[in-house]
C-alpha atoms as a PDB file:
ATOM      1  CA  UNK A   1    -181.821 144.887  87.522  1.00  0.00           C
ATOM      2  CA  UNK A   2    -181.261 142.283  84.791  1.00  0.00           C
ATOM      3  CA  UNK A   3    -182.986 139.026  84.769  1.00  0.00           C
ATOM      4  CA  UNK A   4    -182.017 136.999  88.144  1.00  0.00           C
ATOM      5  CA  UNK A   5    -178.460 135.229  87.705  1.00  0.00           C
ATOM      6  CA  UNK A   6    -176.900 132.222  90.133  1.00  0.00           C
ATOM      7  CA  UNK A   7    -175.140 135.119  91.406  1.00  0.00           C
ATOM      8  CA  UNK A   8    -178.455 136.914  91.984  1.00  0.00           C
ATOM      9  CA  UNK A   9    -177.741 137.206  95.990  1.00  0.00           C
ATOM     10  CA  UNK A  10    -180.759 138.091  98.883  1.00  0.00           C
ATOM     11  CA  UNK A  11    -179.432 139.441 102.428  1.00  0.00           C
ATOM     12  CA  UNK A  12    -181.603 138.820 104.807  1.00  0.00           C
ATOM     13  CA  UNK A  13    -180.882 141.059 108.228  1.00  0.00           C
ATOM     14  CA  UNK A  14    -182.751 139.840 111.310  1.00  0.00           C
ATOM     15  CA  UNK A  15    -182.906 141.750 114.320  1.00  0.00           C
ATOM     16  CA  UNK A  16    -185.115 141.865 117.906  1.00  0.00           C
ATOM     17  CA  UNK A  17    -185.894 144.621 120.108  1.00  0.00           C
ATOM     18  CA  UNK A  18    -183.800 146.265 117.455  1.00  0.00           C
ATOM     19  CA  UNK A  19    -180.448 144.547 118.518  1.00  0.00           C
ATOM     20  CA  UNK A  20    -179.073 142.708 115.371  1.00  0.00           C
ATOM     21  CA  UNK A  21    -179.363 138.295 115.319  1.00  0.00           C
ATOM     22  CA  UNK A  22    -177.128 138.507 111.672  1.00  0.00           C
ATOM     23  CA  UNK A  23    -177.899 137.766 108.644  1.00  0.00           C
ATOM     24  CA  UNK A  24    -178.532 135.113 106.117  1.00  0.00           C
ATOM     25  CA  UNK A  25    -177.848 135.345 102.933  1.00  0.00           C
ATOM     26  CA  UNK A  26    -179.112 133.208 100.147  1.00  0.00           C
ATOM     27  CA  UNK A  27    -178.276 131.885  96.047  1.00  0.00           C
ATOM     28  CA  UNK A  28    -181.716 131.718  93.443  1.00  0.00           C
ATOM     29  CA  UNK A  29    -182.418 128.620  91.418  1.00  0.00           C
ATOM     30  CA  UNK A  30    -183.352 130.514  88.243  1.00  0.00           C
ATOM     31  CA  UNK A  31    -183.371 127.836  86.211  1.00  0.00           C
ATOM     32  CA  UNK A  32    -185.846 125.857  88.116  1.00  0.00           C
ATOM     33  CA  UNK A  33    -188.736 128.503  89.538  1.00  0.00           C
ATOM     34  CA  UNK A  34    -188.057 131.971  87.722  1.00  0.00           C
ATOM     35  CA  UNK A  35    -191.214 133.279  88.786  1.00  0.00           C
ATOM     36  CA  UNK A  36    -191.029 132.702  92.368  1.00  0.00           C
ATOM     37  CA  UNK A  37    -187.503 133.882  91.938  1.00  0.00           C
ATOM     38  CA  UNK A  38    -188.855 137.129  90.137  1.00  0.00           C
ATOM     39  CA  UNK A  39    -191.783 137.763  92.744  1.00  0.00           C
ATOM     40  CA  UNK A  40    -189.421 137.468  96.178  1.00  0.00           C
ATOM     41  CA  UNK A  41    -186.662 139.301  94.099  1.00  0.00           C
ATOM     42  CA  UNK A  42    -189.220 142.381  93.149  1.00  0.00           C
ATOM     43  CA  UNK A  43    -190.789 142.577  96.933  1.00  0.00           C
ATOM     44  CA  UNK A  44    -187.629 142.757  98.497  1.00  0.00           C
ATOM     45  CA  UNK A  45    -186.716 145.563  96.421  1.00  0.00           C
ATOM     46  CA  UNK A  46    -189.698 147.280  96.616  1.00  0.00           C
ATOM     47  CA  UNK A  47    -189.292 146.797 100.320  1.00  0.00           C
ATOM     48  CA  UNK A  48    -192.582 144.811 101.044  1.00  0.00           C
ATOM     49  CA  UNK A  49    -190.813 142.477 103.871  1.00  0.00           C
ATOM     50  CA  UNK A  50    -188.599 145.592 105.739  1.00  0.00           C
ATOM     51  CA  UNK A  51    -190.305 145.066 109.298  1.00  0.00           C
ATOM     52  CA  UNK A  52    -192.247 141.343 108.459  1.00  0.00           C
ATOM     53  CA  UNK A  53    -190.679 138.794 111.291  1.00  0.00           C
ATOM     54  CA  UNK A  54    -191.013 135.088 110.759  1.00  0.00           C
ATOM     55  CA  UNK A  55    -193.757 134.725 112.420  1.00  0.00           C
ATOM     56  CA  UNK A  56    -194.044 130.686 112.297  1.00  0.00           C
ATOM     57  CA  UNK A  57    -190.947 128.922 113.597  1.00  0.00           C
ATOM     58  CA  UNK A  58    -190.986 124.531 114.893  1.00  0.00           C
ATOM     59  CA  UNK A  59    -187.818 123.469 115.828  1.00  0.00           C
ATOM     60  CA  UNK A  60    -186.432 120.577 113.602  1.00  0.00           C
ATOM     61  CA  UNK A  61    -188.432 121.895 110.786  1.00  0.00           C
ATOM     62  CA  UNK A  62    -188.335 125.523 109.789  1.00  0.00           C
ATOM     63  CA  UNK A  63    -188.507 129.845 109.872  1.00  0.00           C
ATOM     64  CA  UNK A  64    -191.424 131.473 108.474  1.00  0.00           C
ATOM     65  CA  UNK A  65    -191.969 134.966 107.630  1.00  0.00           C
ATOM     66  CA  UNK A  66    -192.778 136.925 104.736  1.00  0.00           C
ATOM     67  CA  UNK A  67    -196.500 137.685 106.102  1.00  0.00           C
ATOM     68  CA  UNK A  68    -197.133 141.710 106.190  1.00  0.00           C
ATOM     69  CA  UNK A  69    -199.826 141.443 108.439  1.00  0.00           C
ATOM     70  CA  UNK A  70    -196.711 140.920 110.823  1.00  0.00           C
ATOM     71  CA  UNK A  71    -195.932 144.291 110.857  1.00  0.00           C
ATOM     72  CA  UNK A  72    -198.971 144.722 113.028  1.00  0.00           C
ATOM     73  CA  UNK A  73    -198.937 143.667 116.871  1.00  0.00           C
ATOM     74  CA  UNK A  74    -202.266 141.923 115.886  1.00  0.00           C
ATOM     75  CA  UNK A  75    -200.180 138.248 116.678  1.00  0.00           C
ATOM     76  CA  UNK A  76    -203.379 136.417 115.278  1.00  0.00           C
ATOM     77  CA  UNK A  77    -203.939 137.588 112.482  1.00  0.00           C
ATOM     78  CA  UNK A  78    -199.528 137.181 111.870  1.00  0.00           C
ATOM     79  CA  UNK A  79    -199.285 133.640 108.680  1.00  0.00           C
ATOM     80  CA  UNK A  80    -202.799 135.406 106.952  1.00  0.00           C
ATOM     81  CA  UNK A  81    -201.939 137.634 104.821  1.00  0.00           C
ATOM     82  CA  UNK A  82    -199.930 138.600 100.950  1.00  0.00           C
ATOM     83  CA  UNK A  83    -199.660 140.436  98.832  1.00  0.00           C
ATOM     84  CA  UNK A  84    -202.076 140.868  96.770  1.00  0.00           C
ATOM     85  CA  UNK A  85    -201.407 138.224  94.554  1.00  0.00           C
ATOM     86  CA  UNK A  86    -200.486 135.129  93.365  1.00  0.00           C
ATOM     87  CA  UNK A  87    -197.871 133.312  91.280  1.00  0.00           C
ATOM     88  CA  UNK A  88    -198.504 129.790  90.424  1.00  0.00           C
ATOM     89  CA  UNK A  89    -196.109 126.868  91.645  1.00  0.00           C
ATOM     90  CA  UNK A  90    -193.459 125.776  90.341  1.00  0.00           C
ATOM     91  CA  UNK A  91    -192.502 122.473  91.559  1.00  0.00           C
ATOM     92  CA  UNK A  92    -189.600 120.685  90.760  1.00  0.00           C
ATOM     93  CA  UNK A  93    -186.078 118.343  91.751  1.00  0.00           C
ATOM     94  CA  UNK A  94    -184.743 120.520  94.630  1.00  0.00           C
ATOM     95  CA  UNK A  95    -184.841 118.294  97.589  1.00  0.00           C
ATOM     96  CA  UNK A  96    -186.200 119.928 100.190  1.00  0.00           C
ATOM     97  CA  UNK A  97    -183.060 120.074 102.371  1.00  0.00           C
ATOM     98  CA  UNK A  98    -181.753 121.570 105.298  1.00  0.00           C
ATOM     99  CA  UNK A  99    -181.521 125.421 104.875  1.00  0.00           C
ATOM    100  CA  UNK A 100    -183.696 125.193 101.574  1.00  0.00           C
ATOM    101  CA  UNK A 101    -185.731 128.272 100.750  1.00  0.00           C
ATOM    102  CA  UNK A 102    -189.395 127.524  99.762  1.00  0.00           C
ATOM    103  CA  UNK A 103    -192.594 129.126  99.545  1.00  0.00           C
ATOM    104  CA  UNK A 104    -195.792 128.952 101.583  1.00  0.00           C
ATOM    105  CA  UNK A 105    -198.947 128.644  99.937  1.00  0.00           C
ATOM    106  CA  UNK A 106    -201.934 127.084 101.199  1.00  0.00           C
ATOM    107  CA  UNK A 107    -204.120 124.193 100.282  1.00  0.00           C
ATOM    108  CA  UNK A 108    -204.104 125.932  96.717  1.00  0.00           C
ATOM    109  CA  UNK A 109    -201.233 124.990  95.165  1.00  0.00           C
ATOM    110  CA  UNK A 110    -201.626 127.940  93.477  1.00  0.00           C
ATOM    111  CA  UNK A 111    -201.510 130.348  96.026  1.00  0.00           C
ATOM    112  CA  UNK A 112    -198.093 131.637  96.875  1.00  0.00           C
ATOM    113  CA  UNK A 113    -197.271 135.206  97.489  1.00  0.00           C
ATOM    114  CA  UNK A 114    -195.171 136.712  99.489  1.00  0.00           C
ATOM    115  CA  UNK A 115    -194.159 134.210 102.406  1.00  0.00           C
ATOM    116  CA  UNK A 116    -191.442 132.100 103.266  1.00  0.00           C
ATOM    117  CA  UNK A 117    -189.818 129.529 104.672  1.00  0.00           C
ATOM    118  CA  UNK A 118    -186.771 128.039 105.347  1.00  0.00           C
ATOM    119  CA  UNK A 119    -185.884 124.433 105.995  1.00  0.00           C
ATOM    120  CA  UNK A 120    -183.777 124.583 109.371  1.00  0.00           C
ATOM    121  CA  UNK A 121    -183.757 120.734 108.830  1.00  0.00           C
ATOM    122  CA  UNK A 122    -184.340 118.110 105.708  1.00  0.00           C
ATOM    123  CA  UNK A 123    -187.894 117.622 104.798  1.00  0.00           C
ATOM    124  CA  UNK A 124    -188.317 116.232 101.358  1.00  0.00           C
ATOM    125  CA  UNK A 125    -191.711 114.962 102.770  1.00  0.00           C
ATOM    126  CA  UNK A 126    -191.954 118.972 101.114  1.00  0.00           C
ATOM    127  CA  UNK A 127    -190.422 117.486  97.623  1.00  0.00           C
ATOM    128  CA  UNK A 128    -193.005 118.151  94.723  1.00  0.00           C
ATOM    129  CA  UNK A 129    -195.486 119.160  97.028  1.00  0.00           C
ATOM    130  CA  UNK A 130    -193.335 123.053  97.356  1.00  0.00           C
ATOM    131  CA  UNK A 131    -191.678 125.504  95.375  1.00  0.00           C
ATOM    132  CA  UNK A 132    -188.166 125.867  96.205  1.00  0.00           C
ATOM    133  CA  UNK A 133    -186.542 128.378  94.769  1.00  0.00           C
ATOM    134  CA  UNK A 134    -183.728 128.693  97.061  1.00  0.00           C
ATOM    135  CA  UNK A 135    -180.813 128.182  99.347  1.00  0.00           C
ATOM    136  CA  UNK A 136    -178.571 129.368 101.751  1.00  0.00           C
ATOM    137  CA  UNK A 137    -174.879 129.996 101.187  1.00  0.00           C
ATOM    138  CA  UNK A 138    -174.077 131.653 104.565  1.00  0.00           C
ATOM    139  CA  UNK A 139    -175.944 131.937 108.056  1.00  0.00           C
ATOM    140  CA  UNK A 140    -177.490 129.060 109.102  1.00  0.00           C
ATOM    141  CA  UNK A 141    -176.566 129.491 111.968  1.00  0.00           C
ATOM    142  CA  UNK A 142    -178.537 132.910 112.207  1.00  0.00           C
ATOM    143  CA  UNK A 143    -181.645 130.209 111.152  1.00  0.00           C
ATOM    144  CA  UNK A 144    -180.724 128.242 114.383  1.00  0.00           C
ATOM    145  CA  UNK A 145    -181.272 130.781 117.095  1.00  0.00           C
ATOM    146  CA  UNK A 146    -184.556 131.690 114.914  1.00  0.00           C
ATOM    147  CA  UNK A 147    -185.604 128.692 115.237  1.00  0.00           C
ATOM    148  CA  UNK A 148    -184.906 128.130 119.058  1.00  0.00           C
ATOM    149  CA  UNK A 149    -186.687 131.557 120.268  1.00  0.00           C
ATOM    150  CA  UNK A 150    -189.253 130.659 122.605  1.00  0.00           C
ATOM    151  CA  UNK A 151    -193.158 130.562 121.197  1.00  0.00           C
ATOM    152  CA  UNK A 152    -196.708 130.601 121.315  1.00  0.00           C
ATOM    153  CA  UNK A 153    -199.042 127.716 120.705  1.00  0.00           C
ATOM    154  CA  UNK A 154    -199.220 129.251 116.942  1.00  0.00           C
ATOM    155  CA  UNK A 155    -195.361 129.136 116.709  1.00  0.00           C
ATOM    156  CA  UNK A 156    -195.281 133.142 116.845  1.00  0.00           C
ATOM    157  CA  UNK A 157    -191.699 133.682 118.308  1.00  0.00           C
ATOM    158  CA  UNK A 158    -193.076 135.558 122.164  1.00  0.00           C
ATOM    159  CA  UNK A 159    -190.170 138.654 121.032  1.00  0.00           C
ATOM    160  CA  UNK A 160    -190.517 140.312 117.227  1.00  0.00           C
ATOM    161  CA  UNK A 161    -187.944 138.615 115.191  1.00  0.00           C
ATOM    162  CA  UNK A 162    -187.735 141.469 112.030  1.00  0.00           C
ATOM    163  CA  UNK A 163    -186.164 141.245 108.936  1.00  0.00           C
ATOM    164  CA  UNK A 164    -184.784 143.503 105.963  1.00  0.00           C
ATOM    165  CA  UNK A 165    -184.419 142.112 102.607  1.00  0.00           C
ATOM    166  CA  UNK A 166    -181.325 143.088  99.838  1.00  0.00           C
ATOM    167  CA  UNK A 167    -180.675 141.944  96.582  1.00  0.00           C
ATOM    168  CA  UNK A 168    -177.392 142.398  94.966  1.00  0.00           C
ATOM    169  CA  UNK A 169    -176.604 141.164  91.659  1.00  0.00           C
END
């Protein structure tokens, strides 16, 4: 694939217990977060995300996924993994509004790797603190279903909510 453009799309197929929950289609912001966009696309194209789960869901806030540890059954390790590399922060003026795709990270601003989140509500307190790098163009209803999944005390859904991601130009 050539450099990502405003026409590049990623489709997250969501399943639970083998049943489809639908798809979330994303468009990217390569103009303000080119390295995050390229990183996400590369991971998706190499099937890194396939079989990972949305391992953290907080109603009224966001859904988070992309941890390779979530492929395993040990729920205590979900949310602690990454791809083995880091992406430097690309904070930008895109607001963390409902439907925005952003990178998760530790306290170190330059620690993003593979974990991402999608805001299900406006979350402007994250602006200039996390790298927004895309947004939902269709399927916000699927994100709303995911965020309302029954969850444990660590906000991890009780049923596995798995994903596959495909990228198209």
